N, C-alpha and C. Protein backbone atom coordinates (compact mmCIF):
# COMPACT_ATOMS: atom_id res chain seq x y z
N MET A 1 36.92 -10.90 73.23
CA MET A 1 37.66 -9.66 73.16
C MET A 1 37.05 -8.77 72.08
N GLU A 2 36.89 -7.51 72.38
CA GLU A 2 36.31 -6.56 71.44
C GLU A 2 37.40 -5.67 70.84
N LEU A 3 37.10 -5.13 69.68
CA LEU A 3 38.01 -4.19 69.05
C LEU A 3 38.00 -2.87 69.82
N ASN A 4 39.16 -2.23 69.88
CA ASN A 4 39.20 -0.91 70.51
C ASN A 4 38.83 0.16 69.48
N LYS A 5 38.75 1.39 69.95
CA LYS A 5 38.31 2.50 69.09
C LYS A 5 39.23 2.66 67.87
N LYS A 6 40.53 2.58 68.09
CA LYS A 6 41.50 2.73 67.00
C LYS A 6 41.33 1.62 65.95
N GLN A 7 41.09 0.41 66.40
CA GLN A 7 40.90 -0.71 65.46
C GLN A 7 39.61 -0.54 64.66
N ILE A 8 38.56 -0.10 65.31
CA ILE A 8 37.29 0.13 64.60
C ILE A 8 37.46 1.26 63.59
N GLU A 9 38.17 2.30 63.97
CA GLU A 9 38.44 3.40 63.04
C GLU A 9 39.24 2.90 61.84
N ARG A 10 40.17 1.99 62.05
CA ARG A 10 40.95 1.43 60.94
C ARG A 10 40.04 0.64 60.01
N GLN A 11 39.17 -0.19 60.57
CA GLN A 11 38.22 -0.94 59.74
C GLN A 11 37.36 0.01 58.91
N ASP A 12 36.82 1.03 59.56
CA ASP A 12 35.98 2.00 58.86
C ASP A 12 36.76 2.70 57.75
N PHE A 13 38.00 3.08 58.05
CA PHE A 13 38.84 3.74 57.05
C PHE A 13 39.05 2.86 55.83
N VAL A 14 39.40 1.59 56.04
CA VAL A 14 39.65 0.68 54.92
C VAL A 14 38.37 0.47 54.11
N ASP A 15 37.27 0.15 54.77
CA ASP A 15 36.01 -0.10 54.05
C ASP A 15 35.53 1.15 53.30
N ASN A 16 35.61 2.30 53.95
CA ASN A 16 35.18 3.54 53.28
C ASN A 16 36.10 3.89 52.11
N SER A 17 37.38 3.65 52.25
CA SER A 17 38.32 3.92 51.16
C SER A 17 38.02 3.05 49.95
N ILE A 18 37.71 1.79 50.19
CA ILE A 18 37.37 0.88 49.09
C ILE A 18 36.07 1.34 48.43
N PHE A 19 35.09 1.72 49.21
CA PHE A 19 33.83 2.19 48.65
C PHE A 19 34.04 3.45 47.81
N GLU A 20 34.84 4.37 48.31
CA GLU A 20 35.14 5.59 47.56
C GLU A 20 35.90 5.28 46.27
N LEU A 21 36.81 4.33 46.34
CA LEU A 21 37.55 3.91 45.13
C LEU A 21 36.58 3.37 44.09
N LEU A 22 35.67 2.51 44.52
CA LEU A 22 34.68 1.97 43.58
C LEU A 22 33.88 3.08 42.91
N GLN A 23 33.46 4.05 43.70
CA GLN A 23 32.69 5.17 43.15
C GLN A 23 33.53 5.98 42.16
N SER A 24 34.79 6.19 42.49
CA SER A 24 35.63 7.06 41.65
C SER A 24 36.09 6.39 40.36
N VAL A 25 36.24 5.08 40.35
CA VAL A 25 36.71 4.41 39.11
C VAL A 25 35.55 3.93 38.25
N ASN A 26 34.34 4.02 38.74
CA ASN A 26 33.16 3.61 37.98
C ASN A 26 32.92 4.61 36.84
N PRO A 27 33.01 4.15 35.58
CA PRO A 27 32.87 5.08 34.45
C PRO A 27 31.42 5.40 34.09
N THR A 28 30.47 4.81 34.78
CA THR A 28 29.06 5.03 34.44
C THR A 28 28.43 6.04 35.40
N GLU A 29 27.21 6.41 35.08
CA GLU A 29 26.45 7.32 35.95
C GLU A 29 25.82 6.56 37.12
N ASN A 30 25.81 5.24 37.04
CA ASN A 30 25.23 4.42 38.11
C ASN A 30 26.19 4.39 39.29
N HIS A 31 25.64 4.55 40.48
CA HIS A 31 26.46 4.50 41.68
C HIS A 31 26.23 3.18 42.40
N PHE A 32 27.28 2.70 43.04
CA PHE A 32 27.17 1.49 43.82
C PHE A 32 26.48 1.80 45.15
N ASP A 33 25.62 0.91 45.58
CA ASP A 33 25.11 0.97 46.94
C ASP A 33 26.16 0.35 47.84
N TRP A 34 26.12 0.71 49.12
CA TRP A 34 27.02 0.11 50.08
C TRP A 34 26.74 -1.39 50.11
N ASP A 35 27.73 -2.19 49.81
CA ASP A 35 27.58 -3.65 49.78
C ASP A 35 28.81 -4.23 50.47
N ILE A 36 28.66 -4.58 51.75
CA ILE A 36 29.80 -5.03 52.53
C ILE A 36 30.37 -6.34 51.98
N GLU A 37 29.56 -7.16 51.32
CA GLU A 37 30.10 -8.38 50.72
C GLU A 37 31.06 -8.04 49.59
N MET A 38 30.66 -7.11 48.72
CA MET A 38 31.53 -6.68 47.62
C MET A 38 32.78 -6.00 48.19
N ILE A 39 32.59 -5.11 49.15
CA ILE A 39 33.72 -4.42 49.76
C ILE A 39 34.66 -5.43 50.41
N GLY A 40 34.10 -6.41 51.10
CA GLY A 40 34.91 -7.44 51.75
C GLY A 40 35.73 -8.26 50.77
N ASN A 41 35.14 -8.59 49.63
CA ASN A 41 35.87 -9.34 48.61
C ASN A 41 37.05 -8.54 48.07
N ILE A 42 36.81 -7.27 47.82
CA ILE A 42 37.88 -6.39 47.33
C ILE A 42 38.93 -6.20 48.42
N ARG A 43 38.48 -6.01 49.65
CA ARG A 43 39.39 -5.85 50.79
C ARG A 43 40.30 -7.06 50.93
N ASP A 44 39.76 -8.26 50.79
CA ASP A 44 40.57 -9.47 50.90
C ASP A 44 41.68 -9.50 49.85
N THR A 45 41.35 -9.09 48.64
CA THR A 45 42.35 -9.07 47.56
C THR A 45 43.43 -8.03 47.85
N ILE A 46 43.02 -6.84 48.23
CA ILE A 46 43.98 -5.78 48.54
C ILE A 46 44.86 -6.20 49.72
N GLN A 47 44.24 -6.75 50.74
CA GLN A 47 44.98 -7.19 51.93
C GLN A 47 46.02 -8.24 51.56
N SER A 48 45.64 -9.18 50.74
CA SER A 48 46.57 -10.23 50.32
C SER A 48 47.79 -9.64 49.64
N TRP A 49 47.59 -8.69 48.74
CA TRP A 49 48.70 -8.07 48.03
C TRP A 49 49.57 -7.24 48.96
N ILE A 50 48.95 -6.49 49.85
CA ILE A 50 49.72 -5.66 50.77
C ILE A 50 50.57 -6.53 51.69
N ILE A 51 50.01 -7.60 52.19
CA ILE A 51 50.76 -8.50 53.07
C ILE A 51 51.93 -9.14 52.32
N LYS A 52 51.70 -9.53 51.05
CA LYS A 52 52.78 -10.13 50.25
C LYS A 52 53.90 -9.15 49.96
N LYS A 53 53.58 -7.89 49.78
CA LYS A 53 54.56 -6.90 49.31
C LYS A 53 55.16 -6.05 50.43
N THR A 54 54.64 -6.15 51.65
CA THR A 54 55.14 -5.32 52.75
C THR A 54 55.32 -6.17 54.00
N ASN A 55 55.69 -5.54 55.06
CA ASN A 55 55.79 -6.22 56.36
C ASN A 55 54.51 -6.07 57.18
N CYS A 56 53.44 -5.66 56.55
CA CYS A 56 52.16 -5.46 57.21
C CYS A 56 51.53 -6.81 57.55
N SER A 57 50.95 -6.91 58.74
CA SER A 57 50.24 -8.13 59.12
C SER A 57 48.75 -7.97 58.80
N GLU A 58 48.04 -9.09 58.81
CA GLU A 58 46.59 -9.04 58.61
C GLU A 58 45.95 -8.14 59.64
N GLN A 59 46.38 -8.26 60.88
CA GLN A 59 45.82 -7.50 61.99
C GLN A 59 46.07 -6.00 61.83
N GLU A 60 47.24 -5.63 61.31
CA GLU A 60 47.53 -4.23 61.06
C GLU A 60 46.66 -3.67 59.94
N PHE A 61 46.50 -4.46 58.87
CA PHE A 61 45.73 -3.98 57.74
C PHE A 61 44.26 -3.83 58.08
N TYR A 62 43.68 -4.87 58.66
CA TYR A 62 42.26 -4.86 58.99
C TYR A 62 42.07 -5.61 60.31
N PRO A 63 42.06 -4.88 61.41
CA PRO A 63 41.96 -5.53 62.73
C PRO A 63 40.73 -6.41 62.86
N PHE A 64 40.89 -7.49 63.58
CA PHE A 64 39.79 -8.42 63.79
C PHE A 64 39.95 -9.09 65.15
N THR A 65 38.88 -9.70 65.62
CA THR A 65 38.94 -10.47 66.86
C THR A 65 38.94 -11.93 66.49
N LYS A 66 39.58 -12.72 67.31
CA LYS A 66 39.59 -14.17 67.11
C LYS A 66 38.49 -14.77 67.95
N GLU A 67 37.69 -15.62 67.34
CA GLU A 67 36.57 -16.24 68.08
C GLU A 67 37.04 -17.42 68.86
């Protein structure tokens, strides 16, 4: 099963938001390169907190397919 357009847009939104957050809170002149491993680690932490504090499911926060 593949992700639909809305699910892919949600993934892009979450990953891009995290990347933008990293850029905006970085106090140095150095910019982060796109690093999906770093973004994924941060995403996992944010997702965990959101799921604990809200009624949001993993699938709602960051859609995925089951293998």
